[in-house]
C-alpha cells in the first residue's frame, strides 16, 4: 500500500526501542527519511542499523530546552520536518 510518504522527513521520539522503533521502521519502509531520537546513544546506533534510519540524535526531554534543540538539529539535518 502506498501511503504517499516517499521522501517525507520524520523525527521519531523515543525510537531506540519498543513502539518508537517500530514506528521508525515502518516510516523507513514507507520511504521516509527518518531521524531517531533517544537517551542511549548505543541503543540509537543499534536501532539505526536495524531500521535503516537516516540519522540519530541523543536527547533527554526531561532537560529544559532539549525539545527545541532537537527540533532545530533535525530540521538542519533533514532539511525540514514533515512528520
PDB file of N, CA and C in Angstrom:
ATOM      1  N   UNK A   1       0.844  -1.170   0.000  1.00  0.00           N
ATOM      2  CA  UNK A   1       0.000   0.000   0.000  1.00  0.00           C
ATOM      3  C   UNK A   1       0.895   1.242   0.000  1.00  0.00           C
ATOM      4  N   UNK A   2       0.628   2.151  -0.904  1.00  0.00           N
ATOM      5  CA  UNK A   2       1.383   3.392  -0.991  1.00  0.00           C
ATOM      6  C   UNK A   2       0.700   4.459  -0.140  1.00  0.00           C
ATOM      7  N   UNK A   3       1.393   4.910   0.890  1.00  0.00           N
ATOM      8  CA  UNK A   3       0.829   5.918   1.790  1.00  0.00           C
ATOM      9  C   UNK A   3       1.229   7.336   1.394  1.00  0.00           C
ATOM     10  N   UNK A   4       1.995   7.479   0.327  1.00  0.00           N
ATOM     11  CA  UNK A   4       2.417   8.806  -0.112  1.00  0.00           C
ATOM     12  C   UNK A   4       3.460   9.429   0.802  1.00  0.00           C
ATOM     13  N   UNK A   5       4.270   8.600   1.454  1.00  0.00           N
ATOM     14  CA  UNK A   5       5.259   9.112   2.403  1.00  0.00           C
ATOM     15  C   UNK A   5       6.676   9.157   1.835  1.00  0.00           C
ATOM     16  N   UNK A   6       6.849   8.766   0.581  1.00  0.00           N
ATOM     17  CA  UNK A   6       8.173   8.743  -0.017  1.00  0.00           C
ATOM     18  C   UNK A   6       8.821  10.120   0.073  1.00  0.00           C
ATOM     19  N   UNK A   7      10.052  10.135   0.578  1.00  0.00           N
ATOM     20  CA  UNK A   7      10.871  11.342   0.745  1.00  0.00           C
ATOM     21  C   UNK A   7      10.347  12.324   1.808  1.00  0.00           C
ATOM     22  N   UNK A   8       9.348  11.928   2.579  1.00  0.00           N
ATOM     23  CA  UNK A   8       8.935  12.761   3.713  1.00  0.00           C
ATOM     24  C   UNK A   8      10.015  12.652   4.785  1.00  0.00           C
ATOM     25  N   UNK A   9      10.157  13.693   5.582  1.00  0.00           N
ATOM     26  CA  UNK A   9      11.183  13.750   6.626  1.00  0.00           C
ATOM     27  C   UNK A   9      10.517  13.610   7.975  1.00  0.00           C
ATOM     28  N   UNK A  10      11.009  12.644   8.787  1.00  0.00           N
ATOM     29  CA  UNK A  10      10.340  12.333  10.049  1.00  0.00           C
ATOM     30  C   UNK A  10      11.331  12.312  11.209  1.00  0.00           C
ATOM     31  N   UNK A  11      10.938  12.913  12.309  1.00  0.00           N
ATOM     32  CA  UNK A  11      11.655  12.820  13.580  1.00  0.00           C
ATOM     33  C   UNK A  11      10.797  11.961  14.495  1.00  0.00           C
ATOM     34  N   UNK A  12      11.360  10.838  14.960  1.00  0.00           N
ATOM     35  CA  UNK A  12      10.610   9.923  15.824  1.00  0.00           C
ATOM     36  C   UNK A  12      11.244   9.943  17.208  1.00  0.00           C
ATOM     37  N   UNK A  13      10.484  10.377  18.195  1.00  0.00           N
ATOM     38  CA  UNK A  13      10.964  10.461  19.579  1.00  0.00           C
ATOM     39  C   UNK A  13      10.903   9.094  20.241  1.00  0.00           C
ATOM     40  N   UNK A  14      11.839   8.832  21.142  1.00  0.00           N
ATOM     41  CA  UNK A  14      11.855   7.568  21.882  1.00  0.00           C
ATOM     42  C   UNK A  14      11.950   6.368  20.957  1.00  0.00           C
ATOM     43  N   UNK A  15      12.807   6.462  19.955  1.00  0.00           N
ATOM     44  CA  UNK A  15      12.809   5.455  18.898  1.00  0.00           C
ATOM     45  C   UNK A  15      13.977   4.477  18.949  1.00  0.00           C
ATOM     46  N   UNK A  16      14.652   4.379  20.089  1.00  0.00           N
ATOM     47  CA  UNK A  16      15.740   3.410  20.181  1.00  0.00           C
ATOM     48  C   UNK A  16      15.239   2.011  20.519  1.00  0.00           C
ATOM     49  N   UNK A  17      13.957   1.890  20.899  1.00  0.00           N
ATOM     50  CA  UNK A  17      13.387   0.576  21.205  1.00  0.00           C
ATOM     51  C   UNK A  17      11.864   0.667  21.205  1.00  0.00           C
ATOM     52  N   UNK A  18      11.246  -0.474  21.324  1.00  0.00           N
ATOM     53  CA  UNK A  18       9.802  -0.554  21.510  1.00  0.00           C
ATOM     54  C   UNK A  18       8.966   0.056  20.399  1.00  0.00           C
ATOM     55  N   UNK A  19       7.889   0.711  20.809  1.00  0.00           N
ATOM     56  CA  UNK A  19       6.925   1.277  19.867  1.00  0.00           C
ATOM     57  C   UNK A  19       7.563   2.338  18.977  1.00  0.00           C
ATOM     58  N   UNK A  20       8.387   3.200  19.553  1.00  0.00           N
ATOM     59  CA  UNK A  20       9.043   4.241  18.756  1.00  0.00           C
ATOM     60  C   UNK A  20       9.905   3.654  17.654  1.00  0.00           C
ATOM     61  N   UNK A  21      10.633   2.605  17.970  1.00  0.00           N
ATOM     62  CA  UNK A  21      11.479   1.939  16.979  1.00  0.00           C
ATOM     63  C   UNK A  21      10.619   1.297  15.894  1.00  0.00           C
ATOM     64  N   UNK A  22       9.515   0.695  16.285  1.00  0.00           N
ATOM     65  CA  UNK A  22       8.609   0.081  15.316  1.00  0.00           C
ATOM     66  C   UNK A  22       8.011   1.135  14.381  1.00  0.00           C
ATOM     67  N   UNK A  23       7.639   2.272  14.931  1.00  0.00           N
ATOM     68  CA  UNK A  23       7.115   3.373  14.113  1.00  0.00           C
ATOM     69  C   UNK A  23       8.182   3.823  13.121  1.00  0.00           C
ATOM     70  N   UNK A  24       9.401   4.011  13.619  1.00  0.00           N
ATOM     71  CA  UNK A  24      10.501   4.433  12.751  1.00  0.00           C
ATOM     72  C   UNK A  24      10.720   3.428  11.626  1.00  0.00           C
ATOM     73  N   UNK A  25      10.723   2.140  11.949  1.00  0.00           N
ATOM     74  CA  UNK A  25      10.920   1.096  10.939  1.00  0.00           C
ATOM     75  C   UNK A  25       9.849   1.172   9.864  1.00  0.00           C
ATOM     76  N   UNK A  26       8.606   1.372  10.273  1.00  0.00           N
ATOM     77  CA  UNK A  26       7.516   1.459   9.302  1.00  0.00           C
ATOM     78  C   UNK A  26       7.634   2.702   8.431  1.00  0.00           C
ATOM     79  N   UNK A  27       8.070   3.811   9.006  1.00  0.00           N
ATOM     80  CA  UNK A  27       8.258   5.028   8.217  1.00  0.00           C
ATOM     81  C   UNK A  27       9.387   4.857   7.207  1.00  0.00           C
ATOM     82  N   UNK A  28      10.483   4.231   7.628  1.00  0.00           N
ATOM     83  CA  UNK A  28      11.586   3.944   6.699  1.00  0.00           C
ATOM     84  C   UNK A  28      11.080   3.049   5.570  1.00  0.00           C
ATOM     85  N   UNK A  29      10.323   2.026   5.921  1.00  0.00           N
ATOM     86  CA  UNK A  29       9.786   1.102   4.912  1.00  0.00           C
ATOM     87  C   UNK A  29       8.855   1.804   3.933  1.00  0.00           C
ATOM     88  N   UNK A  30       8.203   2.870   4.399  1.00  0.00           N
ATOM     89  CA  UNK A  30       7.293   3.639   3.546  1.00  0.00           C
ATOM     90  C   UNK A  30       8.030   4.673   2.696  1.00  0.00           C
ATOM     91  N   UNK A  31       9.367   4.766   2.881  1.00  0.00           N
ATOM     92  CA  UNK A  31      10.152   5.670   2.052  1.00  0.00           C
ATOM     93  C   UNK A  31      10.540   6.981   2.694  1.00  0.00           C
ATOM     94  N   UNK A  32      10.315   7.119   3.994  1.00  0.00           N
ATOM     95  CA  UNK A  32      10.667   8.353   4.703  1.00  0.00           C
ATOM     96  C   UNK A  32      12.151   8.399   5.043  1.00  0.00           C
ATOM     97  N   UNK A  33      12.673   9.610   5.150  1.00  0.00           N
ATOM     98  CA  UNK A  33      13.992   9.835   5.743  1.00  0.00           C
ATOM     99  C   UNK A  33      13.741  10.088   7.219  1.00  0.00           C
ATOM    100  N   UNK A  34      14.235   9.203   8.064  1.00  0.00           N
ATOM    101  CA  UNK A  34      13.882   9.202   9.486  1.00  0.00           C
ATOM    102  C   UNK A  34      15.092   9.522  10.353  1.00  0.00           C
ATOM    103  N   UNK A  35      14.873  10.395  11.342  1.00  0.00           N
ATOM    104  CA  UNK A  35      15.854  10.659  12.388  1.00  0.00           C
ATOM    105  C   UNK A  35      15.313  10.056  13.674  1.00  0.00           C
ATOM    106  N   UNK A  36      16.115   9.173  14.266  1.00  0.00           N
ATOM    107  CA  UNK A  36      15.757   8.556  15.544  1.00  0.00           C
ATOM    108  C   UNK A  36      16.225   9.440  16.686  1.00  0.00           C
ATOM    109  N   UNK A  37      15.523   9.387  17.812  1.00  0.00           N
ATOM    110  CA  UNK A  37      15.962  10.123  18.992  1.00  0.00           C
ATOM    111  C   UNK A  37      15.746   9.281  20.235  1.00  0.00           C
ATOM    112  N   UNK A  38      16.611   9.511  21.226  1.00  0.00           N
ATOM    113  CA  UNK A  38      16.509   8.789  22.485  1.00  0.00           C
ATOM    114  C   UNK A  38      17.670   9.136  23.390  1.00  0.00           C
ATOM    115  N   UNK A  39      17.653   8.578  24.587  1.00  0.00           N
ATOM    116  CA  UNK A  39      18.672   8.920  25.590  1.00  0.00           C
ATOM    117  C   UNK A  39      19.954   8.110  25.489  1.00  0.00           C
ATOM    118  N   UNK A  40      19.877   6.893  24.981  1.00  0.00           N
ATOM    119  CA  UNK A  40      21.028   5.990  24.985  1.00  0.00           C
ATOM    120  C   UNK A  40      21.675   5.946  23.603  1.00  0.00           C
ATOM    121  N   UNK A  41      22.866   6.529  23.465  1.00  0.00           N
ATOM    122  CA  UNK A  41      23.498   6.596  22.144  1.00  0.00           C
ATOM    123  C   UNK A  41      23.810   5.221  21.545  1.00  0.00           C
ATOM    124  N   UNK A  42      24.148   4.247  22.375  1.00  0.00           N
ATOM    125  CA  UNK A  42      24.459   2.910  21.865  1.00  0.00           C
ATOM    126  C   UNK A  42      23.206   2.231  21.306  1.00  0.00           C
ATOM    127  N   UNK A  43      22.104   2.373  22.013  1.00  0.00           N
ATOM    128  CA  UNK A  43      20.850   1.795  21.526  1.00  0.00           C
ATOM    129  C   UNK A  43      20.369   2.513  20.271  1.00  0.00           C
ATOM    130  N   UNK A  44      20.620   3.825  20.192  1.00  0.00           N
ATOM    131  CA  UNK A  44      20.239   4.565  18.991  1.00  0.00           C
ATOM    132  C   UNK A  44      20.999   4.069  17.766  1.00  0.00           C
ATOM    133  N   UNK A  45      22.302   3.868  17.917  1.00  0.00           N
ATOM    134  CA  UNK A  45      23.114   3.381  16.804  1.00  0.00           C
ATOM    135  C   UNK A  45      22.645   1.987  16.383  1.00  0.00           C
ATOM    136  N   UNK A  46      22.364   1.121  17.360  1.00  0.00           N
ATOM    137  CA  UNK A  46      21.845  -0.214  17.041  1.00  0.00           C
ATOM    138  C   UNK A  46      20.511  -0.113  16.300  1.00  0.00           C
ATOM    139  N   UNK A  47      19.635   0.766  16.776  1.00  0.00           N
ATOM    140  CA  UNK A  47      18.328   0.940  16.137  1.00  0.00           C
ATOM    141  C   UNK A  47      18.482   1.495  14.721  1.00  0.00           C
ATOM    142  N   UNK A  48      19.434   2.395  14.532  1.00  0.00           N
ATOM    143  CA  UNK A  48      19.673   2.939  13.193  1.00  0.00           C
ATOM    144  C   UNK A  48      20.099   1.826  12.234  1.00  0.00           C
ATOM    145  N   UNK A  49      20.984   0.964  12.693  1.00  0.00           N
ATOM    146  CA  UNK A  49      21.433  -0.160  11.860  1.00  0.00           C
ATOM    147  C   UNK A  49      20.270  -1.102  11.537  1.00  0.00           C
ATOM    148  N   UNK A  50      19.413  -1.348  12.520  1.00  0.00           N
ATOM    149  CA  UNK A  50      18.292  -2.271  12.336  1.00  0.00           C
ATOM    150  C   UNK A  50      17.199  -1.698  11.442  1.00  0.00           C
ATOM    151  N   UNK A  51      16.950  -0.399  11.544  1.00  0.00           N
ATOM    152  CA  UNK A  51      15.835   0.207  10.819  1.00  0.00           C
ATOM    153  C   UNK A  51      16.233   0.819   9.488  1.00  0.00           C
ATOM    154  N   UNK A  52      17.506   1.170   9.344  1.00  0.00           N
ATOM    155  CA  UNK A  52      17.937   1.884   8.147  1.00  0.00           C
ATOM    156  C   UNK A  52      17.631   3.362   8.213  1.00  0.00           C
ATOM    157  N   UNK A  53      17.422   3.878   9.421  1.00  0.00           N
ATOM    158  CA  UNK A  53      17.123   5.300   9.599  1.00  0.00           C
ATOM    159  C   UNK A  53      18.269   6.166   9.082  1.00  0.00           C
ATOM    160  N   UNK A  54      17.936   7.370   8.670  1.00  0.00           N
ATOM    161  CA  UNK A  54      18.878   8.306   8.077  1.00  0.00           C
ATOM    162  C   UNK A  54      19.889   8.835   9.088  1.00  0.00           C
ATOM    163  N   UNK A  55      19.415   9.143  10.309  1.00  0.00           N
ATOM    164  CA  UNK A  55      20.271   9.790  11.305  1.00  0.00           C
ATOM    165  C   UNK A  55      19.732   9.528  12.704  1.00  0.00           C
ATOM    166  N   UNK A  56      20.547   9.873  13.710  1.00  0.00           N
ATOM    167  CA  UNK A  56      20.117   9.760  15.114  1.00  0.00           C
ATOM    168  C   UNK A  56      20.502  11.032  15.863  1.00  0.00           C
ATOM    169  N   UNK A  57      19.786  11.272  16.955  1.00  0.00           N
ATOM    170  CA  UNK A  57      20.135  12.368  17.853  1.00  0.00           C
ATOM    171  C   UNK A  57      19.875  11.917  19.288  1.00  0.00           C
ATOM    172  N   UNK A  58      20.882  12.063  20.114  1.00  0.00           N
ATOM    173  CA  UNK A  58      20.741  11.738  21.531  1.00  0.00           C
ATOM    174  C   UNK A  58      20.056  12.913  22.221  1.00  0.00           C
ATOM    175  N   UNK A  59      19.061  12.608  23.050  1.00  0.00           N
ATOM    176  CA  UNK A  59      18.366  13.677  23.780  1.00  0.00           C
ATOM    177  C   UNK A  59      17.668  13.110  25.000  1.00  0.00           C
ATOM    178  N   UNK A  60      17.450  13.974  25.970  1.00  0.00           N
ATOM    179  CA  UNK A  60      16.671  13.646  27.166  1.00  0.00           C
ATOM    180  C   UNK A  60      15.663  14.769  27.345  1.00  0.00           C
ATOM    181  N   UNK A  61      14.421  14.500  27.033  1.00  0.00           N
ATOM    182  CA  UNK A  61      13.390  15.540  27.066  1.00  0.00           C
ATOM    183  C   UNK A  61      13.035  15.993  28.475  1.00  0.00           C
ATOM    184  N   UNK A  62      13.658  15.391  29.489  1.00  0.00           N
ATOM    185  CA  UNK A  62      13.485  15.889  30.856  1.00  0.00           C
ATOM    186  C   UNK A  62      14.314  17.143  31.103  1.00  0.00           C
ATOM    187  N   UNK A  63      15.288  17.404  30.225  1.00  0.00           N
ATOM    188  CA  UNK A  63      16.138  18.592  30.370  1.00  0.00           C
ATOM    189  C   UNK A  63      15.475  19.803  29.715  1.00  0.00           C
ATOM    190  N   UNK A  64      15.570  20.971  30.376  1.00  0.00           N
ATOM    191  CA  UNK A  64      14.987  22.182  29.797  1.00  0.00           C
ATOM    192  C   UNK A  64      15.574  22.473  28.416  1.00  0.00           C
ATOM    193  N   UNK A  65      14.744  22.914  27.511  1.00  0.00           N
ATOM    194  CA  UNK A  65      15.119  23.357  26.165  1.00  0.00           C
ATOM    195  C   UNK A  65      15.589  22.233  25.246  1.00  0.00           C
ATOM    196  N   UNK A  66      15.554  21.007  25.721  1.00  0.00           N
ATOM    197  CA  UNK A  66      16.009  19.897  24.890  1.00  0.00           C
ATOM    198  C   UNK A  66      15.097  19.701  23.676  1.00  0.00           C
ATOM    199  N   UNK A  67      13.829  19.898  23.865  1.00  0.00           N
ATOM    200  CA  UNK A  67      12.883  19.759  22.749  1.00  0.00           C
ATOM    201  C   UNK A  67      13.185  20.717  21.617  1.00  0.00           C
ATOM    202  N   UNK A  68      13.424  21.965  21.947  1.00  0.00           N
ATOM    203  CA  UNK A  68      13.729  22.927  20.885  1.00  0.00           C
ATOM    204  C   UNK A  68      15.073  22.631  20.235  1.00  0.00           C
ATOM    205  N   UNK A  69      16.030  22.108  20.998  1.00  0.00           N
ATOM    206  CA  UNK A  69      17.335  21.771  20.431  1.00  0.00           C
ATOM    207  C   UNK A  69      17.214  20.663  19.394  1.00  0.00           C
ATOM    208  N   UNK A  70      16.447  19.613  19.716  1.00  0.00           N
ATOM    209  CA  UNK A  70      16.375  18.511  18.760  1.00  0.00           C
ATOM    210  C   UNK A  70      15.553  18.897  17.525  1.00  0.00           C
ATOM    211  N   UNK A  71      14.564  19.752  17.687  1.00  0.00           N
ATOM    212  CA  UNK A  71      13.799  20.226  16.525  1.00  0.00           C
ATOM    213  C   UNK A  71      14.722  21.004  15.596  1.00  0.00           C
ATOM    214  N   UNK A  72      15.540  21.893  16.157  1.00  0.00           N
ATOM    215  CA  UNK A  72      16.475  22.669  15.336  1.00  0.00           C
ATOM    216  C   UNK A  72      17.465  21.768  14.623  1.00  0.00           C
ATOM    217  N   UNK A  73      18.024  20.795  15.346  1.00  0.00           N
ATOM    218  CA  UNK A  73      19.005  19.906  14.732  1.00  0.00           C
ATOM    219  C   UNK A  73      18.373  19.018  13.675  1.00  0.00           C
ATOM    220  N   UNK A  74      17.200  18.478  13.959  1.00  0.00           N
ATOM    221  CA  UNK A  74      16.534  17.617  12.989  1.00  0.00           C
ATOM    222  C   UNK A  74      16.176  18.409  11.729  1.00  0.00           C
ATOM    223  N   UNK A  75      15.728  19.630  11.909  1.00  0.00           N
ATOM    224  CA  UNK A  75      15.398  20.483  10.763  1.00  0.00           C
ATOM    225  C   UNK A  75      16.628  20.729   9.912  1.00  0.00           C
ATOM    226  N   UNK A  76      17.755  20.966  10.578  1.00  0.00           N
ATOM    227  CA  UNK A  76      19.003  21.205   9.857  1.00  0.00           C
ATOM    228  C   UNK A  76      19.472  19.945   9.121  1.00  0.00           C
ATOM    229  N   UNK A  77      19.484  18.813   9.815  1.00  0.00           N
ATOM    230  CA  UNK A  77      20.000  17.573   9.229  1.00  0.00           C
ATOM    231  C   UNK A  77      19.087  17.054   8.112  1.00  0.00           C
ATOM    232  N   UNK A  78      17.784  17.089   8.360  1.00  0.00           N
ATOM    233  CA  UNK A  78      16.828  16.540   7.384  1.00  0.00           C
ATOM    234  C   UNK A  78      16.416  17.544   6.314  1.00  0.00           C
ATOM    235  N   UNK A  79      16.682  18.835   6.555  1.00  0.00           N
ATOM    236  CA  UNK A  79      16.233  19.855   5.626  1.00  0.00           C
ATOM    237  C   UNK A  79      14.781  20.247   5.855  1.00  0.00           C
ATOM    238  N   UNK A  80      14.265  19.961   7.041  1.00  0.00           N
ATOM    239  CA  UNK A  80      12.875  20.226   7.403  1.00  0.00           C
ATOM    240  C   UNK A  80      12.291  18.996   8.076  1.00  0.00           C
ATOM    241  N   UNK A  81      11.097  19.147   8.612  1.00  0.00           N
ATOM    242  CA  UNK A  81      10.395  18.019   9.231  1.00  0.00           C
ATOM    243  C   UNK A  81       8.975  18.016   8.709  1.00  0.00           C
ATOM    244  N   UNK A  82       8.560  16.885   8.151  1.00  0.00           N
ATOM    245  CA  UNK A  82       7.192  16.734   7.662  1.00  0.00           C
ATOM    246  C   UNK A  82       6.327  15.956   8.652  1.00  0.00           C
ATOM    247  N   UNK A  83       6.970  15.040   9.383  1.00  0.00           N
ATOM    248  CA  UNK A  83       6.234  14.145  10.300  1.00  0.00           C
ATOM    249  C   UNK A  83       6.935  14.171  11.647  1.00  0.00           C
TER     250      UNK A  83
END
